[in-house]
C-alpha atoms as a PDB file:
ATOM      1  CA  UNK A   1       0.000   0.000   0.000  1.00  0.00           C
ATOM      2  CA  UNK A   2       2.829   2.395   0.865  1.00  0.00           C
ATOM      3  CA  UNK A   3       4.498   1.746  -2.505  1.00  0.00           C
ATOM      4  CA  UNK A   4       1.232   2.641  -4.286  1.00  0.00           C
ATOM      5  CA  UNK A   5       1.004   5.921  -2.343  1.00  0.00           C
ATOM      6  CA  UNK A   6       4.594   6.774  -3.233  1.00  0.00           C
ATOM      7  CA  UNK A   7       3.936   6.102  -6.936  1.00  0.00           C
ATOM      8  CA  UNK A   8       0.773   8.211  -6.867  1.00  0.00           C
ATOM      9  CA  UNK A   9       2.631  11.042  -5.168  1.00  0.00           C
ATOM     10  CA  UNK A  10       5.403  10.766  -7.735  1.00  0.00           C
ATOM     11  CA  UNK A  11       3.028  11.144 -10.691  1.00  0.00           C
ATOM     12  CA  UNK A  12       0.903  13.853  -9.083  1.00  0.00           C
ATOM     13  CA  UNK A  13       3.769  16.065  -7.918  1.00  0.00           C
ATOM     14  CA  UNK A  14       4.138  19.619  -9.191  1.00  0.00           C
ATOM     15  CA  UNK A  15       7.648  18.852 -10.494  1.00  0.00           C
ATOM     16  CA  UNK A  16       6.331  15.959 -12.579  1.00  0.00           C
ATOM     17  CA  UNK A  17       3.388  18.062 -13.826  1.00  0.00           C
ATOM     18  CA  UNK A  18       5.783  20.858 -14.848  1.00  0.00           C
ATOM     19  CA  UNK A  19       8.014  18.369 -16.695  1.00  0.00           C
ATOM     20  CA  UNK A  20       4.974  17.002 -18.552  1.00  0.00           C
ATOM     21  CA  UNK A  21       3.857  20.502 -19.492  1.00  0.00           C
ATOM     22  CA  UNK A  22       7.322  21.383 -20.853  1.00  0.00           C
ATOM     23  CA  UNK A  23       7.337  18.157 -22.886  1.00  0.00           C
ATOM     24  CA  UNK A  24       3.855  18.837 -24.271  1.00  0.00           C
ATOM     25  CA  UNK A  25       2.350  15.841 -22.458  1.00  0.00           C
ATOM     26  CA  UNK A  26      -1.207  16.115 -21.163  1.00  0.00           C
ATOM     27  CA  UNK A  27      -1.662  14.254 -17.890  1.00  0.00           C
ATOM     28  CA  UNK A  28      -4.796  12.238 -17.302  1.00  0.00           C
ATOM     29  CA  UNK A  29      -5.667  11.417 -13.714  1.00  0.00           C
ATOM     30  CA  UNK A  30      -8.986  10.369 -12.326  1.00  0.00           C
ATOM     31  CA  UNK A  31     -10.320  10.616  -8.803  1.00  0.00           C
ATOM     32  CA  UNK A  32      -9.435   7.939  -6.252  1.00  0.00           C
ATOM     33  CA  UNK A  33     -11.832   5.023  -6.509  1.00  0.00           C
ATOM     34  CA  UNK A  34     -13.069   6.011  -9.971  1.00  0.00           C
ATOM     35  CA  UNK A  35     -13.800   3.212 -12.423  1.00  0.00           C
ATOM     36  CA  UNK A  36     -11.805   5.119 -15.043  1.00  0.00           C
ATOM     37  CA  UNK A  37      -8.578   4.923 -13.054  1.00  0.00           C
ATOM     38  CA  UNK A  38      -5.881   4.706 -15.756  1.00  0.00           C
ATOM     39  CA  UNK A  39      -5.144   1.035 -15.121  1.00  0.00           C
ATOM     40  CA  UNK A  40      -3.639   0.607 -18.593  1.00  0.00           C
ATOM     41  CA  UNK A  41      -1.257   3.533 -18.112  1.00  0.00           C
ATOM     42  CA  UNK A  42      -0.271   2.286 -14.662  1.00  0.00           C
ATOM     43  CA  UNK A  43       0.434  -1.173 -16.053  1.00  0.00           C
ATOM     44  CA  UNK A  44       2.504   0.309 -18.894  1.00  0.00           C
ATOM     45  CA  UNK A  45       4.531   2.468 -16.463  1.00  0.00           C
ATOM     46  CA  UNK A  46       5.127  -0.498 -14.145  1.00  0.00           C
ATOM     47  CA  UNK A  47       6.372  -2.608 -17.054  1.00  0.00           C
ATOM     48  CA  UNK A  48       8.623   0.210 -18.278  1.00  0.00           C
ATOM     49  CA  UNK A  49      10.132   0.616 -14.819  1.00  0.00           C
ATOM     50  CA  UNK A  50      10.595  -3.115 -14.270  1.00  0.00           C
ATOM     51  CA  UNK A  51      12.200  -3.764 -17.667  1.00  0.00           C
ATOM     52  CA  UNK A  52      14.419  -0.673 -17.934  1.00  0.00           C
ATOM     53  CA  UNK A  53      15.132   0.675 -14.446  1.00  0.00           C
ATOM     54  CA  UNK A  54      15.219  -2.296 -12.116  1.00  0.00           C
ATOM     55  CA  UNK A  55      18.793  -2.921 -10.989  1.00  0.00           C
ATOM     56  CA  UNK A  56      20.215  -0.206 -13.232  1.00  0.00           C
ATOM     57  CA  UNK A  57      22.399   2.447 -11.563  1.00  0.00           C
ATOM     58  CA  UNK A  58      21.754   5.039 -14.280  1.00  0.00           C
ATOM     59  CA  UNK A  59      22.861   6.204 -17.707  1.00  0.00           C
ATOM     60  CA  UNK A  60      25.986   8.115 -18.635  1.00  0.00           C
ATOM     61  CA  UNK A  61      24.021  10.790 -20.505  1.00  0.00           C
ATOM     62  CA  UNK A  62      20.514  11.946 -21.366  1.00  0.00           C
ATOM     63  CA  UNK A  63      21.114  10.778 -24.941  1.00  0.00           C
ATOM     64  CA  UNK A  64      21.923   7.249 -23.745  1.00  0.00           C
ATOM     65  CA  UNK A  65      18.762   7.205 -21.603  1.00  0.00           C
ATOM     66  CA  UNK A  66      16.624   8.391 -24.532  1.00  0.00           C
ATOM     67  CA  UNK A  67      18.104   5.750 -26.856  1.00  0.00           C
ATOM     68  CA  UNK A  68      17.460   3.026 -24.281  1.00  0.00           C
ATOM     69  CA  UNK A  69      13.858   4.189 -23.889  1.00  0.00           C
ATOM     70  CA  UNK A  70      13.384   4.302 -27.673  1.00  0.00           C
ATOM     71  CA  UNK A  71      14.753   0.750 -28.009  1.00  0.00           C
ATOM     72  CA  UNK A  72      12.412  -0.445 -25.258  1.00  0.00           C
ATOM     73  CA  UNK A  73       9.385   1.312 -26.789  1.00  0.00           C
ATOM     74  CA  UNK A  74      10.156  -0.134 -30.218  1.00  0.00           C
ATOM     75  CA  UNK A  75      10.366  -3.639 -28.740  1.00  0.00           C
ATOM     76  CA  UNK A  76       7.241  -3.091 -26.628  1.00  0.00           C
ATOM     77  CA  UNK A  77       5.200  -1.837 -29.605  1.00  0.00           C
ATOM     78  CA  UNK A  78       6.382  -4.324 -32.220  1.00  0.00           C
ATOM     79  CA  UNK A  79       8.032  -7.483 -30.866  1.00  0.00           C
ATOM     80  CA  UNK A  80       7.087  -8.032 -27.206  1.00  0.00           C
ATOM     81  CA  UNK A  81       4.188 -10.451 -26.681  1.00  0.00           C
ATOM     82  CA  UNK A  82       1.156  -8.987 -24.917  1.00  0.00           C
ATOM     83  CA  UNK A  83      -1.226 -11.117 -22.874  1.00  0.00           C
ATOM     84  CA  UNK A  84      -4.128  -8.894 -23.981  1.00  0.00           C
ATOM     85  CA  UNK A  85      -3.367  -9.874 -27.615  1.00  0.00           C
ATOM     86  CA  UNK A  86      -3.409 -13.607 -26.948  1.00  0.00           C
ATOM     87  CA  UNK A  87       0.334 -13.635 -26.222  1.00  0.00           C
ATOM     88  CA  UNK A  88       1.129 -12.289 -29.687  1.00  0.00           C
ATOM     89  CA  UNK A  89       3.209  -9.285 -30.607  1.00  0.00           C
ATOM     90  CA  UNK A  90       1.316  -6.209 -31.861  1.00  0.00           C
ATOM     91  CA  UNK A  91       2.754  -6.810 -35.360  1.00  0.00           C
ATOM     92  CA  UNK A  92       1.546 -10.442 -35.412  1.00  0.00           C
ATOM     93  CA  UNK A  93      -1.850  -9.393 -34.036  1.00  0.00           C
ATOM     94  CA  UNK A  94      -2.341  -6.638 -36.623  1.00  0.00           C
ATOM     95  CA  UNK A  95      -1.136  -8.871 -39.468  1.00  0.00           C
ATOM     96  CA  UNK A  96      -3.648 -11.558 -38.465  1.00  0.00           C
ATOM     97  CA  UNK A  97      -6.387  -8.945 -38.112  1.00  0.00           C
ATOM     98  CA  UNK A  98      -5.676  -7.507 -41.573  1.00  0.00           C
ATOM     99  CA  UNK A  99      -5.626 -10.985 -43.132  1.00  0.00           C
ATOM    100  CA  UNK A 100      -8.992 -11.783 -41.528  1.00  0.00           C
ATOM    101  CA  UNK A 101     -10.507  -8.472 -42.655  1.00  0.00           C
ATOM    102  CA  UNK A 102      -9.302  -8.982 -46.237  1.00  0.00           C
ATOM    103  CA  UNK A 103     -10.625 -12.547 -46.314  1.00  0.00           C
ATOM    104  CA  UNK A 104     -14.027 -11.474 -44.999  1.00  0.00           C
ATOM    105  CA  UNK A 105     -14.247  -8.630 -47.525  1.00  0.00           C
ATOM    106  CA  UNK A 106     -13.379 -10.950 -50.417  1.00  0.00           C
ATOM    107  CA  UNK A 107     -15.886 -13.548 -49.223  1.00  0.00           C
ATOM    108  CA  UNK A 108     -18.713 -11.014 -49.208  1.00  0.00           C
END
């Protein structure tokens, strides 16, 4: 429970909000206990932290950190298997979806 409070405080802090504003990022936060509680974003952030930050002392430069994040995002969005997609990568899922859509269109 304490860890959850710390994470919430981290993402609701003025410093974090200012950094988002400077980067052109619009924050989306719902009220505590709301059914629209950003569960997908929280899951994404937890995965990002676990797979890139855990056990890592830091990066030698901002450029190195950005490149590492870009590599992770590319893998996450194209290659990494997602349980929500039937344990397929987004590319495999979209390819299968397009093939199904084309087949259904041709059959009609």
